[in-house]
Amino acid sequence: MADTTTMTVRLSGMLSEFVAENVGENGAYENVSEYIRDLIRRDKERVEREAFDRLKAELTHAFAAPEETYKPLAAAEVITRNRS
């Protein structure tokens, strides 16, 4: 099982009010921790989706290139190119 980390976040003004509206009897979440965990999960999914979309776009572009533009590369050349 993963370690648990306790974090403290201070909110004031409009942010605090917004959280309060989303938590409790009238909100979608039972408590602030549940709300924050859901926000973090959604953000993680967004970051992963954006990375996948970038990779998909690169592959689509690569596969659309005419075959004569391809050139053979050794694994070491690819590694060197990707490190720079």
PDB file of N, CA and C in Angstrom:
ATOM      1  N   MET A   1       0.836  -1.179   0.000  1.00  0.00           N
ATOM      2  CA  MET A   1       0.000   0.000   0.000  1.00  0.00           C
ATOM      3  C   MET A   1       0.888   1.251   0.000  1.00  0.00           C
ATOM      4  N   ALA A   2       0.439   2.283  -0.684  1.00  0.00           N
ATOM      5  CA  ALA A   2       1.214   3.514  -0.801  1.00  0.00           C
ATOM      6  C   ALA A   2       1.209   4.293   0.506  1.00  0.00           C
ATOM      7  N   ASP A   3       2.265   5.075   0.683  1.00  0.00           N
ATOM      8  CA  ASP A   3       2.335   5.940   1.853  1.00  0.00           C
ATOM      9  C   ASP A   3       1.288   7.037   1.752  1.00  0.00           C
ATOM     10  N   THR A   4       0.839   7.516   2.893  1.00  0.00           N
ATOM     11  CA  THR A   4      -0.116   8.615   2.946  1.00  0.00           C
ATOM     12  C   THR A   4       0.625   9.875   3.357  1.00  0.00           C
ATOM     13  N   THR A   5       0.349  10.963   2.675  1.00  0.00           N
ATOM     14  CA  THR A   5       0.951  12.246   2.988  1.00  0.00           C
ATOM     15  C   THR A   5      -0.143  13.209   3.408  1.00  0.00           C
ATOM     16  N   THR A   6       0.071  13.876   4.503  1.00  0.00           N
ATOM     17  CA  THR A   6      -0.867  14.890   4.962  1.00  0.00           C
ATOM     18  C   THR A   6      -0.347  16.240   4.520  1.00  0.00           C
ATOM     19  N   MET A   7      -1.219  17.029   3.900  1.00  0.00           N
ATOM     20  CA  MET A   7      -0.836  18.349   3.414  1.00  0.00           C
ATOM     21  C   MET A   7      -1.814  19.379   3.960  1.00  0.00           C
ATOM     22  N   THR A   8      -1.321  20.561   4.172  1.00  0.00           N
ATOM     23  CA  THR A   8      -2.157  21.655   4.633  1.00  0.00           C
ATOM     24  C   THR A   8      -2.219  22.701   3.532  1.00  0.00           C
ATOM     25  N   VAL A   9      -3.432  23.129   3.218  1.00  0.00           N
ATOM     26  CA  VAL A   9      -3.626  24.141   2.182  1.00  0.00           C
ATOM     27  C   VAL A   9      -4.461  25.266   2.781  1.00  0.00           C
ATOM     28  N   ARG A  10      -4.032  26.480   2.588  1.00  0.00           N
ATOM     29  CA  ARG A  10      -4.790  27.625   3.082  1.00  0.00           C
ATOM     30  C   ARG A  10      -5.494  28.285   1.908  1.00  0.00           C
ATOM     31  N   LEU A  11      -6.790  28.475   2.071  1.00  0.00           N
ATOM     32  CA  LEU A  11      -7.596  29.152   1.062  1.00  0.00           C
ATOM     33  C   LEU A  11      -8.328  30.295   1.731  1.00  0.00           C
ATOM     34  N   SER A  12      -8.523  31.349   0.999  1.00  0.00           N
ATOM     35  CA  SER A  12      -9.299  32.457   1.544  1.00  0.00           C
ATOM     36  C   SER A  12     -10.166  33.044   0.444  1.00  0.00           C
ATOM     37  N   GLY A  13     -11.076  33.852   0.847  1.00  0.00           N
ATOM     38  CA  GLY A  13     -11.896  34.587  -0.099  1.00  0.00           C
ATOM     39  C   GLY A  13     -12.699  33.694  -1.026  1.00  0.00           C
ATOM     40  N   MET A  14     -12.650  34.030  -2.294  1.00  0.00           N
ATOM     41  CA  MET A  14     -13.452  33.344  -3.299  1.00  0.00           C
ATOM     42  C   MET A  14     -13.121  31.864  -3.408  1.00  0.00           C
ATOM     43  N   LEU A  15     -11.855  31.501  -3.262  1.00  0.00           N
ATOM     44  CA  LEU A  15     -11.494  30.087  -3.351  1.00  0.00           C
ATOM     45  C   LEU A  15     -12.096  29.292  -2.200  1.00  0.00           C
ATOM     46  N   SER A  16     -12.025  29.836  -1.013  1.00  0.00           N
ATOM     47  CA  SER A  16     -12.592  29.175   0.161  1.00  0.00           C
ATOM     48  C   SER A  16     -14.104  29.023   0.016  1.00  0.00           C
ATOM     49  N   GLU A  17     -14.749  30.065  -0.455  1.00  0.00           N
ATOM     50  CA  GLU A  17     -16.199  30.019  -0.667  1.00  0.00           C
ATOM     51  C   GLU A  17     -16.565  28.977  -1.723  1.00  0.00           C
ATOM     52  N   PHE A  18     -15.799  28.915  -2.778  1.00  0.00           N
ATOM     53  CA  PHE A  18     -16.058  27.959  -3.849  1.00  0.00           C
ATOM     54  C   PHE A  18     -15.946  26.525  -3.333  1.00  0.00           C
ATOM     55  N   VAL A  19     -14.915  26.254  -2.560  1.00  0.00           N
ATOM     56  CA  VAL A  19     -14.755  24.918  -1.978  1.00  0.00           C
ATOM     57  C   VAL A  19     -15.927  24.608  -1.061  1.00  0.00           C
ATOM     58  N   ALA A  20     -16.308  25.560  -0.224  1.00  0.00           N
ATOM     59  CA  ALA A  20     -17.419  25.354   0.706  1.00  0.00           C
ATOM     60  C   ALA A  20     -18.717  25.031  -0.031  1.00  0.00           C
ATOM     61  N   GLU A  21     -18.915  25.632  -1.200  1.00  0.00           N
ATOM     62  CA  GLU A  21     -20.117  25.364  -1.993  1.00  0.00           C
ATOM     63  C   GLU A  21     -20.140  23.941  -2.547  1.00  0.00           C
ATOM     64  N   ASN A  22     -18.977  23.351  -2.725  1.00  0.00           N
ATOM     65  CA  ASN A  22     -18.871  22.015  -3.322  1.00  0.00           C
ATOM     66  C   ASN A  22     -18.749  20.900  -2.300  1.00  0.00           C
ATOM     67  N   VAL A  23     -18.729  21.247  -1.027  1.00  0.00           N
ATOM     68  CA  VAL A  23     -18.541  20.267   0.043  1.00  0.00           C
ATOM     69  C   VAL A  23     -19.706  20.360   1.023  1.00  0.00           C
ATOM     70  N   GLY A  24     -20.094  19.230   1.573  1.00  0.00           N
ATOM     71  CA  GLY A  24     -21.141  19.221   2.591  1.00  0.00           C
ATOM     72  C   GLY A  24     -22.491  18.825   2.038  1.00  0.00           C
ATOM     73  N   GLU A  25     -23.531  19.165   2.763  1.00  0.00           N
ATOM     74  CA  GLU A  25     -24.889  18.742   2.424  1.00  0.00           C
ATOM     75  C   GLU A  25     -25.321  19.169   1.024  1.00  0.00           C
ATOM     76  N   ASN A  26     -24.974  20.361   0.617  1.00  0.00           N
ATOM     77  CA  ASN A  26     -25.409  20.881  -0.684  1.00  0.00           C
ATOM     78  C   ASN A  26     -24.379  20.673  -1.788  1.00  0.00           C
ATOM     79  N   GLY A  27     -23.222  20.156  -1.444  1.00  0.00           N
ATOM     80  CA  GLY A  27     -22.162  19.992  -2.426  1.00  0.00           C
ATOM     81  C   GLY A  27     -22.084  18.578  -2.971  1.00  0.00           C
ATOM     82  N   ALA A  28     -21.220  18.392  -3.939  1.00  0.00           N
ATOM     83  CA  ALA A  28     -21.040  17.085  -4.575  1.00  0.00           C
ATOM     84  C   ALA A  28     -20.097  16.182  -3.779  1.00  0.00           C
ATOM     85  N   TYR A  29     -19.395  16.743  -2.798  1.00  0.00           N
ATOM     86  CA  TYR A  29     -18.405  15.993  -2.032  1.00  0.00           C
ATOM     87  C   TYR A  29     -18.744  16.030  -0.555  1.00  0.00           C
ATOM     88  N   GLU A  30     -18.435  14.939   0.139  1.00  0.00           N
ATOM     89  CA  GLU A  30     -18.714  14.869   1.583  1.00  0.00           C
ATOM     90  C   GLU A  30     -17.753  15.715   2.405  1.00  0.00           C
ATOM     91  N   ASN A  31     -16.494  15.794   1.941  1.00  0.00           N
ATOM     92  CA  ASN A  31     -15.503  16.565   2.700  1.00  0.00           C
ATOM     93  C   ASN A  31     -14.460  17.142   1.758  1.00  0.00           C
ATOM     94  N   VAL A  32     -13.662  18.045   2.283  1.00  0.00           N
ATOM     95  CA  VAL A  32     -12.661  18.748   1.474  1.00  0.00           C
ATOM     96  C   VAL A  32     -11.623  17.775   0.921  1.00  0.00           C
ATOM     97  N   SER A  33     -11.210  16.788   1.721  1.00  0.00           N
ATOM     98  CA  SER A  33     -10.207  15.827   1.260  1.00  0.00           C
ATOM     99  C   SER A  33     -10.683  15.070   0.030  1.00  0.00           C
ATOM    100  N   GLU A  34     -11.945  14.648   0.046  1.00  0.00           N
ATOM    101  CA  GLU A  34     -12.513  13.937  -1.104  1.00  0.00           C
ATOM    102  C   GLU A  34     -12.493  14.834  -2.343  1.00  0.00           C
ATOM    103  N   TYR A  35     -12.852  16.091  -2.150  1.00  0.00           N
ATOM    104  CA  TYR A  35     -12.869  17.063  -3.247  1.00  0.00           C
ATOM    105  C   TYR A  35     -11.465  17.258  -3.829  1.00  0.00           C
ATOM    106  N   ILE A  36     -10.486  17.460  -2.970  1.00  0.00           N
ATOM    107  CA  ILE A  36      -9.105  17.683  -3.420  1.00  0.00           C
ATOM    108  C   ILE A  36      -8.565  16.450  -4.135  1.00  0.00           C
ATOM    109  N   ARG A  37      -8.817  15.261  -3.591  1.00  0.00           N
ATOM    110  CA  ARG A  37      -8.353  14.031  -4.251  1.00  0.00           C
ATOM    111  C   ARG A  37      -8.946  13.909  -5.650  1.00  0.00           C
ATOM    112  N   ASP A  38     -10.230  14.237  -5.793  1.00  0.00           N
ATOM    113  CA  ASP A  38     -10.857  14.168  -7.108  1.00  0.00           C
ATOM    114  C   ASP A  38     -10.240  15.175  -8.069  1.00  0.00           C
ATOM    115  N   LEU A  39      -9.970  16.386  -7.596  1.00  0.00           N
ATOM    116  CA  LEU A  39      -9.330  17.401  -8.442  1.00  0.00           C
ATOM    117  C   LEU A  39      -7.948  16.935  -8.906  1.00  0.00           C
ATOM    118  N   ILE A  40      -7.192  16.339  -7.998  1.00  0.00           N
ATOM    119  CA  ILE A  40      -5.846  15.862  -8.347  1.00  0.00           C
ATOM    120  C   ILE A  40      -5.939  14.723  -9.358  1.00  0.00           C
ATOM    121  N   ARG A  41      -6.867  13.783  -9.145  1.00  0.00           N
ATOM    122  CA  ARG A  41      -7.044  12.681 -10.109  1.00  0.00           C
ATOM    123  C   ARG A  41      -7.394  13.211 -11.491  1.00  0.00           C
ATOM    124  N   ARG A  42      -8.313  14.174 -11.545  1.00  0.00           N
ATOM    125  CA  ARG A  42      -8.710  14.750 -12.834  1.00  0.00           C
ATOM    126  C   ARG A  42      -7.536  15.458 -13.508  1.00  0.00           C
ATOM    127  N   ASP A  43      -6.753  16.180 -12.734  1.00  0.00           N
ATOM    128  CA  ASP A  43      -5.601  16.872 -13.302  1.00  0.00           C
ATOM    129  C   ASP A  43      -4.576  15.871 -13.815  1.00  0.00           C
ATOM    130  N   LYS A  44      -4.355  14.794 -13.068  1.00  0.00           N
ATOM    131  CA  LYS A  44      -3.430  13.738 -13.504  1.00  0.00           C
ATOM    132  C   LYS A  44      -3.911  13.122 -14.816  1.00  0.00           C
ATOM    133  N   GLU A  45      -5.197  12.839 -14.913  1.00  0.00           N
ATOM    134  CA  GLU A  45      -5.762  12.296 -16.147  1.00  0.00           C
ATOM    135  C   GLU A  45      -5.588  13.268 -17.306  1.00  0.00           C
ATOM    136  N   ARG A  46      -5.785  14.574 -17.043  1.00  0.00           N
ATOM    137  CA  ARG A  46      -5.615  15.594 -18.085  1.00  0.00           C
ATOM    138  C   ARG A  46      -4.180  15.614 -18.597  1.00  0.00           C
ATOM    139  N   VAL A  47      -3.223  15.584 -17.679  1.00  0.00           N
ATOM    140  CA  VAL A  47      -1.803  15.600 -18.064  1.00  0.00           C
ATOM    141  C   VAL A  47      -1.464  14.365 -18.895  1.00  0.00           C
ATOM    142  N   GLU A  48      -1.953  13.200 -18.466  1.00  0.00           N
ATOM    143  CA  GLU A  48      -1.697  11.960 -19.206  1.00  0.00           C
ATOM    144  C   GLU A  48      -2.358  11.999 -20.581  1.00  0.00           C
ATOM    145  N   ARG A  49      -3.591  12.530 -20.667  1.00  0.00           N
ATOM    146  CA  ARG A  49      -4.297  12.630 -21.945  1.00  0.00           C
ATOM    147  C   ARG A  49      -3.554  13.574 -22.899  1.00  0.00           C
ATOM    148  N   GLU A  50      -3.065  14.702 -22.376  1.00  0.00           N
ATOM    149  CA  GLU A  50      -2.314  15.644 -23.212  1.00  0.00           C
ATOM    150  C   GLU A  50      -1.030  15.014 -23.738  1.00  0.00           C
ATOM    151  N   ALA A  51      -0.334  14.256 -22.892  1.00  0.00           N
ATOM    152  CA  ALA A  51       0.892  13.575 -23.326  1.00  0.00           C
ATOM    153  C   ALA A  51       0.563  12.545 -24.404  1.00  0.00           C
ATOM    154  N   PHE A  52      -0.516  11.797 -24.219  1.00  0.00           N
ATOM    155  CA  PHE A  52      -0.939  10.811 -25.214  1.00  0.00           C
ATOM    156  C   PHE A  52      -1.303  11.502 -26.517  1.00  0.00           C
ATOM    157  N   ASP A  53      -2.026  12.603 -26.441  1.00  0.00           N
ATOM    158  CA  ASP A  53      -2.423  13.334 -27.651  1.00  0.00           C
ATOM    159  C   ASP A  53      -1.212  13.871 -28.407  1.00  0.00           C
ATOM    160  N   ARG A  54      -0.188  14.357 -27.669  1.00  0.00           N
ATOM    161  CA  ARG A  54       1.039  14.824 -28.332  1.00  0.00           C
ATOM    162  C   ARG A  54       1.728  13.677 -29.051  1.00  0.00           C
ATOM    163  N   LEU A  55       1.837  12.535 -28.378  1.00  0.00           N
ATOM    164  CA  LEU A  55       2.468  11.368 -28.981  1.00  0.00           C
ATOM    165  C   LEU A  55       1.676  10.900 -30.198  1.00  0.00           C
ATOM    166  N   LYS A  56       0.374  10.861 -30.084  1.00  0.00           N
ATOM    167  CA  LYS A  56      -0.488  10.445 -31.189  1.00  0.00           C
ATOM    168  C   LYS A  56      -0.304  11.374 -32.391  1.00  0.00           C
ATOM    169  N   ALA A  57      -0.223  12.692 -32.140  1.00  0.00           N
ATOM    170  CA  ALA A  57      -0.018  13.660 -33.221  1.00  0.00           C
ATOM    171  C   ALA A  57       1.331  13.450 -33.887  1.00  0.00           C
ATOM    172  N   GLU A  58       2.367  13.199 -33.093  1.00  0.00           N
ATOM    173  CA  GLU A  58       3.698  12.949 -33.659  1.00  0.00           C
ATOM    174  C   GLU A  58       3.695  11.686 -34.526  1.00  0.00           C
ATOM    175  N   LEU A  59       3.056  10.632 -34.032  1.00  0.00           N
ATOM    176  CA  LEU A  59       2.999   9.389 -34.796  1.00  0.00           C
ATOM    177  C   LEU A  59       2.172   9.545 -36.064  1.00  0.00           C
ATOM    178  N   THR A  60       1.067  10.265 -35.980  1.00  0.00           N
ATOM    179  CA  THR A  60       0.240  10.512 -37.163  1.00  0.00           C
ATOM    180  C   THR A  60       1.045  11.250 -38.213  1.00  0.00           C
ATOM    181  N   HIS A  61       1.787  12.258 -37.779  1.00  0.00           N
ATOM    182  CA  HIS A  61       2.646  13.024 -38.693  1.00  0.00           C
ATOM    183  C   HIS A  61       3.722  12.119 -39.299  1.00  0.00           C
ATOM    184  N   ALA A  62       4.340  11.292 -38.479  1.00  0.00           N
ATOM    185  CA  ALA A  62       5.409  10.410 -38.961  1.00  0.00           C
ATOM    186  C   ALA A  62       4.879   9.401 -39.972  1.00  0.00           C
ATOM    187  N   PHE A  63       3.736   8.811 -39.689  1.00  0.00           N
ATOM    188  CA  PHE A  63       3.193   7.803 -40.598  1.00  0.00           C
ATOM    189  C   PHE A  63       2.630   8.411 -41.879  1.00  0.00           C
ATOM    190  N   ALA A  64       2.373   9.713 -41.870  1.00  0.00           N
ATOM    191  CA  ALA A  64       1.874  10.385 -43.066  1.00  0.00           C
ATOM    192  C   ALA A  64       3.008  10.775 -44.013  1.00  0.00           C
ATOM    193  N   ALA A  65       4.236  10.735 -43.535  1.00  0.00           N
ATOM    194  CA  ALA A  65       5.386  11.118 -44.361  1.00  0.00           C
ATOM    195  C   ALA A  65       5.615  10.073 -45.453  1.00  0.00           C
ATOM    196  N   PRO A  66       6.038  10.531 -46.616  1.00  0.00           N
ATOM    197  CA  PRO A  66       6.339   9.576 -47.691  1.00  0.00           C
ATOM    198  C   PRO A  66       7.452   8.614 -47.254  1.00  0.00           C
ATOM    199  N   GLU A  67       7.350   7.388 -47.708  1.00  0.00           N
ATOM    200  CA  GLU A  67       8.293   6.361 -47.276  1.00  0.00           C
ATOM    201  C   GLU A  67       9.738   6.700 -47.641  1.00  0.00           C
ATOM    202  N   GLU A  68       9.948   7.414 -48.745  1.00  0.00           N
ATOM    203  CA  GLU A  68      11.326   7.752 -49.144  1.00  0.00           C
ATOM    204  C   GLU A  68      11.996   8.735 -48.190  1.00  0.00           C
ATOM    205  N   THR A  69      11.226   9.368 -47.303  1.00  0.00           N
ATOM    206  CA  THR A  69      11.834  10.280 -46.337  1.00  0.00           C
ATOM    207  C   THR A  69      12.366   9.558 -45.105  1.00  0.00           C
ATOM    208  N   TYR A  70      12.021   8.285 -44.971  1.00  0.00           N
ATOM    209  CA  TYR A  70      12.516   7.502 -43.839  1.00  0.00           C
ATOM    210  C   TYR A  70      13.968   7.134 -44.066  1.00  0.00           C
ATOM    211  N   LYS A  71      14.745   7.079 -43.001  1.00  0.00           N
ATOM    212  CA  LYS A  71      16.118   6.615 -43.119  1.00  0.00           C
ATOM    213  C   LYS A  71      16.409   5.683 -41.952  1.00  0.00           C
ATOM    214  N   PRO A  72      17.173   4.641 -42.195  1.00  0.00           N
ATOM    215  CA  PRO A  72      17.460   3.700 -41.113  1.00  0.00           C
ATOM    216  C   PRO A  72      18.357   4.349 -40.047  1.00  0.00           C
ATOM    217  N   LEU A  73      18.055   4.049 -38.809  1.00  0.00           N
ATOM    218  CA  LEU A  73      18.853   4.553 -37.694  1.00  0.00           C
ATOM    219  C   LEU A  73      19.152   3.400 -36.745  1.00  0.00           C
ATOM    220  N   ALA A  74      20.346   3.433 -36.195  1.00  0.00           N
ATOM    221  CA  ALA A  74      20.705   2.462 -35.166  1.00  0.00           C
ATOM    222  C   ALA A  74      20.110   2.945 -33.841  1.00  0.00           C
ATOM    223  N   ALA A  75      19.889   2.022 -32.927  1.00  0.00           N
ATOM    224  CA  ALA A  75      19.327   2.370 -31.626  1.00  0.00           C
ATOM    225  C   ALA A  75      20.157   3.440 -30.925  1.00  0.00           C
ATOM    226  N   ALA A  76      21.461   3.350 -31.002  1.00  0.00           N
ATOM    227  CA  ALA A  76      22.336   4.341 -30.353  1.00  0.00           C
ATOM    228  C   ALA A  76      22.106   5.734 -30.926  1.00  0.00           C
ATOM    229  N   GLU A  77      21.857   5.824 -32.238  1.00  0.00           N
ATOM    230  CA  GLU A  77      21.583   7.125 -32.850  1.00  0.00           C
ATOM    231  C   GLU A  77      20.272   7.720 -32.333  1.00  0.00           C
ATOM    232  N   VAL A  78      19.270   6.892 -32.179  1.00  0.00           N
ATOM    233  CA  VAL A  78      17.994   7.352 -31.662  1.00  0.00           C
ATOM    234  C   VAL A  78      18.143   7.841 -30.228  1.00  0.00           C
ATOM    235  N   ILE A  79      18.862   7.100 -29.424  1.00  0.00           N
ATOM    236  CA  ILE A  79      19.083   7.476 -28.029  1.00  0.00           C
ATOM    237  C   ILE A  79      19.819   8.799 -27.951  1.00  0.00           C
ATOM    238  N   THR A  80      20.868   8.957 -28.737  1.00  0.00           N
ATOM    239  CA  THR A  80      21.635  10.198 -28.755  1.00  0.00           C
ATOM    240  C   THR A  80      20.764  11.368 -29.192  1.00  0.00           C
ATOM    241  N   ARG A  81      19.972  11.168 -30.253  1.00  0.00           N
ATOM    242  CA  ARG A  81      19.096  12.229 -30.751  1.00  0.00           C
ATOM    243  C   ARG A  81      18.078  12.644 -29.692  1.00  0.00           C
ATOM    244  N   ASN A  82      17.519  11.680 -28.979  1.00  0.00           N
ATOM    245  CA  ASN A  82      16.481  11.998 -27.992  1.00  0.00           C
ATOM    246  C   ASN A  82      17.034  12.604 -26.726  1.00  0.00           C
ATOM    247  N   ARG A  83      18.297  12.472 -26.468  1.00  0.00           N
ATOM    248  CA  ARG A  83      18.901  13.098 -25.294  1.00  0.00           C
ATOM    249  C   ARG A  83      19.213  14.562 -25.501  1.00  0.00           C
ATOM    250  N   SER A  84      19.287  14.996 -26.751  1.00  0.00           N
ATOM    251  CA  SER A  84      19.622  16.405 -26.998  1.00  0.00           C
ATOM    252  C   SER A  84      18.400  17.258 -27.161  1.00  0.00           C
TER     253      SER A  84
END
